[in-house]
Amino acid sequence: MILRQRVELEKDFYKNELLKMGYFKTPEGLQLYELTLSNLEEIYKAEKAKTGN
């Protein structure tokens, strides 16, 4: 149970950060809530690299 909560907290963090960056959907048309933690983390890192932060 604790692991699941941790995963959900991390997913929420990445979703919120991506939304702040103006990222709402993947190129495939998937919404952020449809993505796994690893997908969200990869996208976050890529978007952050684009902005140079």
C-alpha atoms as a PDB file:
ATOM      1  CA  MET A   1       0.000   0.000   0.000  1.00  0.00           C
ATOM      2  CA  ILE A   2       2.764   2.430   0.871  1.00  0.00           C
ATOM      3  CA  LEU A   3       4.517   1.765  -2.451  1.00  0.00           C
ATOM      4  CA  ARG A   4       1.334   2.498  -4.380  1.00  0.00           C
ATOM      5  CA  GLN A   5       0.913   5.791  -2.516  1.00  0.00           C
ATOM      6  CA  ARG A   6       4.518   6.706  -3.253  1.00  0.00           C
ATOM      7  CA  VAL A   7       4.042   5.973  -6.956  1.00  0.00           C
ATOM      8  CA  GLU A   8       0.871   8.086  -7.057  1.00  0.00           C
ATOM      9  CA  LEU A   9       2.639  10.983  -5.326  1.00  0.00           C
ATOM     10  CA  GLU A  10       5.481  10.846  -7.831  1.00  0.00           C
ATOM     11  CA  LYS A  11       3.060  10.641 -10.757  1.00  0.00           C
ATOM     12  CA  ASP A  12       1.202  13.682  -9.389  1.00  0.00           C
ATOM     13  CA  PHE A  13       4.485  15.588  -9.113  1.00  0.00           C
ATOM     14  CA  TYR A  14       5.435  14.888 -12.742  1.00  0.00           C
ATOM     15  CA  LYS A  15       1.927  15.611 -14.035  1.00  0.00           C
ATOM     16  CA  ASN A  16       1.841  18.960 -12.214  1.00  0.00           C
ATOM     17  CA  GLU A  17       5.303  19.931 -13.427  1.00  0.00           C
ATOM     18  CA  LEU A  18       4.469  18.993 -17.018  1.00  0.00           C
ATOM     19  CA  LEU A  19       1.239  20.967 -16.864  1.00  0.00           C
ATOM     20  CA  LYS A  20       3.197  24.005 -15.646  1.00  0.00           C
ATOM     21  CA  MET A  21       5.438  23.585 -18.716  1.00  0.00           C
ATOM     22  CA  GLY A  22       2.365  23.570 -20.973  1.00  0.00           C
ATOM     23  CA  TYR A  23       2.613  19.857 -21.749  1.00  0.00           C
ATOM     24  CA  PHE A  24      -0.851  18.283 -21.853  1.00  0.00           C
ATOM     25  CA  LYS A  25      -0.765  15.322 -24.260  1.00  0.00           C
ATOM     26  CA  THR A  26       1.791  13.017 -25.820  1.00  0.00           C
ATOM     27  CA  PRO A  27       2.295  13.158 -29.588  1.00  0.00           C
ATOM     28  CA  GLU A  28       0.228   9.945 -29.682  1.00  0.00           C
ATOM     29  CA  GLY A  29      -2.667  11.819 -28.072  1.00  0.00           C
ATOM     30  CA  LEU A  30      -2.454  10.248 -24.616  1.00  0.00           C
ATOM     31  CA  GLN A  31      -3.413  12.335 -21.612  1.00  0.00           C
ATOM     32  CA  LEU A  32      -0.953  12.616 -18.722  1.00  0.00           C
ATOM     33  CA  TYR A  33      -3.202  10.590 -16.416  1.00  0.00           C
ATOM     34  CA  GLU A  34      -2.964   7.657 -18.850  1.00  0.00           C
ATOM     35  CA  LEU A  35       0.828   7.401 -18.534  1.00  0.00           C
ATOM     36  CA  THR A  36       2.978   5.284 -16.250  1.00  0.00           C
ATOM     37  CA  LEU A  37       5.406   6.773 -13.769  1.00  0.00           C
ATOM     38  CA  SER A  38       8.351   5.898 -15.994  1.00  0.00           C
ATOM     39  CA  ASN A  39       6.668   7.520 -19.023  1.00  0.00           C
ATOM     40  CA  LEU A  40       5.994  10.682 -17.048  1.00  0.00           C
ATOM     41  CA  GLU A  41       9.554  10.789 -15.755  1.00  0.00           C
ATOM     42  CA  GLU A  42      11.014  10.366 -19.265  1.00  0.00           C
ATOM     43  CA  ILE A  43       8.803  13.091 -20.709  1.00  0.00           C
ATOM     44  CA  TYR A  44       9.596  15.414 -17.803  1.00  0.00           C
ATOM     45  CA  LYS A  45      13.338  14.962 -18.292  1.00  0.00           C
ATOM     46  CA  ALA A  46      13.037  15.537 -22.038  1.00  0.00           C
ATOM     47  CA  GLU A  47      10.917  18.666 -21.611  1.00  0.00           C
ATOM     48  CA  LYS A  48      13.229  20.003 -18.931  1.00  0.00           C
ATOM     49  CA  ALA A  49      16.220  19.441 -21.234  1.00  0.00           C
ATOM     50  CA  LYS A  50      14.468  21.397 -24.003  1.00  0.00           C
ATOM     51  CA  THR A  51      14.093  24.407 -21.735  1.00  0.00           C
ATOM     52  CA  GLY A  52      17.642  24.103 -20.449  1.00  0.00           C
ATOM     53  CA  ASN A  53      16.645  23.839 -16.794  1.00  0.00           C
END
